[in-house]
Amino acid sequence: MQDDAKLIEFIKTDLARGKVTGKLGANDDLIETEILDSLGIMKLILFLENNYAVKISDEDLTLENFTSIMSINSLIQRKRAAQGA
């Protein structure tokens, strides 16, 4: 999926800061591996809102929504469905 590739590329190049040398799996824990920290989550939210036409609300700011590529994709899909996109 092209959206996955764009998201993975952003995480690897803008957020991981050299912490990912190989493939980033859909279920890899981005928080436990310290790829995502609080500042990284804020950068990721801006990226998602600007590139996926979704609005991330305060209620969406849970660790479960940002733990992995899969959980981020699920959040995007839920937000798009709720917004009728």
Protein backbone atom coordinates (compact mmCIF):
# COMPACT_ATOMS: atom_id res chain seq x y z
CA MET A 1 0.00 0.00 0.00
CA GLN A 2 1.40 3.37 -1.00
CA ASP A 3 0.18 5.06 2.20
CA ASP A 4 2.13 2.52 4.26
CA ALA A 5 5.29 3.25 2.30
CA LYS A 6 4.91 7.00 2.84
CA LEU A 7 4.30 6.54 6.57
CA ILE A 8 7.20 4.11 7.00
CA GLU A 9 9.55 6.40 5.08
CA PHE A 10 8.59 9.36 7.30
CA ILE A 11 9.14 7.35 10.47
CA LYS A 12 12.48 5.99 9.29
CA THR A 13 13.89 9.26 7.97
CA ASP A 14 12.34 11.90 10.23
CA LEU A 15 11.66 10.18 13.54
CA ALA A 16 13.90 7.13 13.95
CA ARG A 17 17.17 9.08 13.81
CA GLY A 18 19.19 6.04 12.75
CA LYS A 19 17.45 3.58 15.09
CA VAL A 20 16.05 1.58 12.17
CA THR A 21 18.65 -0.01 9.94
CA GLY A 22 16.54 -2.70 8.30
CA LYS A 23 12.91 -3.24 7.54
CA LEU A 24 10.35 -1.63 9.83
CA GLY A 25 7.60 -4.18 10.44
CA ALA A 26 3.91 -3.38 10.75
CA ASN A 27 3.82 -4.65 14.34
CA ASP A 28 7.19 -3.37 15.56
CA ASP A 29 6.72 -1.44 18.82
CA LEU A 30 7.73 2.13 17.98
CA ILE A 31 7.57 3.33 21.58
CA GLU A 32 9.36 0.44 23.27
CA THR A 33 12.18 0.68 20.71
CA GLU A 34 12.35 4.44 21.36
CA ILE A 35 11.68 5.29 17.73
CA LEU A 36 8.76 7.41 18.94
CA ASP A 37 8.95 9.70 21.94
CA SER A 38 6.60 12.53 22.94
CA LEU A 39 8.12 15.00 20.47
CA GLY A 40 8.10 12.34 17.77
CA ILE A 41 4.41 11.70 18.34
CA MET A 42 3.68 15.40 17.90
CA LYS A 43 5.67 15.45 14.64
CA LEU A 44 3.85 12.31 13.53
CA ILE A 45 0.46 13.90 14.25
CA LEU A 46 1.35 16.90 12.07
CA PHE A 47 2.49 14.53 9.33
CA LEU A 48 -0.74 12.51 9.53
CA GLU A 49 -2.96 15.58 9.48
CA ASN A 50 -1.09 17.12 6.55
CA ASN A 51 -0.70 13.96 4.46
CA TYR A 52 -3.81 11.91 5.21
CA ALA A 53 -6.44 14.66 5.62
CA VAL A 54 -7.40 13.54 9.12
CA LYS A 55 -7.79 15.51 12.34
CA ILE A 56 -6.22 13.87 15.39
CA SER A 57 -8.13 14.87 18.52
CA ASP A 58 -7.00 14.89 22.14
CA GLU A 59 -9.01 11.70 22.67
CA ASP A 60 -6.88 9.99 20.01
CA LEU A 61 -3.66 10.69 21.94
CA THR A 62 -3.27 7.25 23.48
CA LEU A 63 -0.23 4.99 23.33
CA GLU A 64 -2.35 2.28 21.73
CA ASN A 65 -2.91 4.47 18.66
CA PHE A 66 0.81 5.07 18.11
CA THR A 67 2.47 1.81 19.16
CA SER A 68 3.04 0.41 15.67
CA ILE A 69 2.59 1.07 11.96
CA MET A 70 -0.50 -1.13 12.13
CA SER A 71 -2.05 0.84 15.02
CA ILE A 72 -1.31 4.15 13.27
CA ASN A 73 -2.91 2.84 10.06
CA SER A 74 -5.96 1.72 12.06
CA LEU A 75 -6.23 5.20 13.54
CA ILE A 76 -6.03 6.76 10.06
CA GLN A 77 -8.73 4.43 8.74
CA ARG A 78 -11.05 5.12 11.70
CA LYS A 79 -10.58 8.88 11.33
CA ARG A 80 -11.20 8.76 7.58
CA ALA A 81 -14.34 6.68 8.07
CA ALA A 82 -15.63 9.06 10.75
CA GLN A 83 -14.93 12.06 8.53
CA GLY A 84 -16.55 10.41 5.52
CA ALA A 85 -13.31 10.44 3.49
